Amino acid sequence: MTEPLTGAALITGASRGIGRAIALRTAALGLDVFLLARDEQALASVAQECRAHGVHAASLAGPLTDAGYREQAVRAAEEAFGAPTVLINNAGTASAQPVQSADLAAWQDVMALNFEAAVALCRAVLPAMIDARRGTIINISSISGRTAGAGSAIYSASKFALNGFSEAMFEDVRDHGIKVSAILPGFVETDLTGSLGLNNGHMIAASDVADSVAYVLQASPRCCPTEIVLRPQHRP
């Protein structure tokens, strides 16, 4: 039987969908969790579900694109549970528009959340992880960070950037005992994909992504699953 993990995880986009599934799975592994998202009531509900696994859970609602909120969130997590030993950057958004008619302000919002917020949080937690010579950072990316299609330019760009950043960050910190992993799912059944007119029953479940997170967290200290690709078994 696998021993429970120790430490605390900082998880973004944790109020629903993939983030909620990750929060619950992380708590089930024994980690205290500090949850971030915009919806205060939904976050409180997920935190309560996490406590049912016998761990401590806290949350702070706010916009991850705001630098002041990010700084406040990291401080609050440290005050609640000590420096996070795990960071899971899950929060994300999309804007499906062709390049020739794109709303550039909306595109900036996508980059700010999908990429820039993740970069800032990594930078914030890494010094303590390096001092402790332990830690895990998991960036929830997308298969769109490997292949791009019409109308997906900015979403794909943000995920390509996140994948490249994750790979380079691993090289920066691997010798400090810190794991870095990017998880690249295809279509996942969430609120974001529910309006696409596809077969939701053929999509990946949020719990499948959470299983991949658990795999990374439980990996041997001698190896790091730096990239995990998840594809729906059947075409949605």
Foldseek 3Di string as FASTA:
>chain_A
DDQADEFEEEFEPLLDFLNLLLLQLNLLSPHEYEYEEADPVSQVVSQVSSCVSVHHYYYDYDDLLDPVVLVVSQVVVCVVTRQGQEYELDDADAFQDAPVDDDVVVLVVRLSRLAVSLVVNCVVRPVVCLVVLGHEYEYEAACLCVPPDGRRVSNNVSRVNVLVVQVVVCVVCVVSLYAGAYEHEYFEPDPNCPPVPDDNVQGHYSNVVSVVVVCQVRDDSVDGHHYHYHYRPDDD
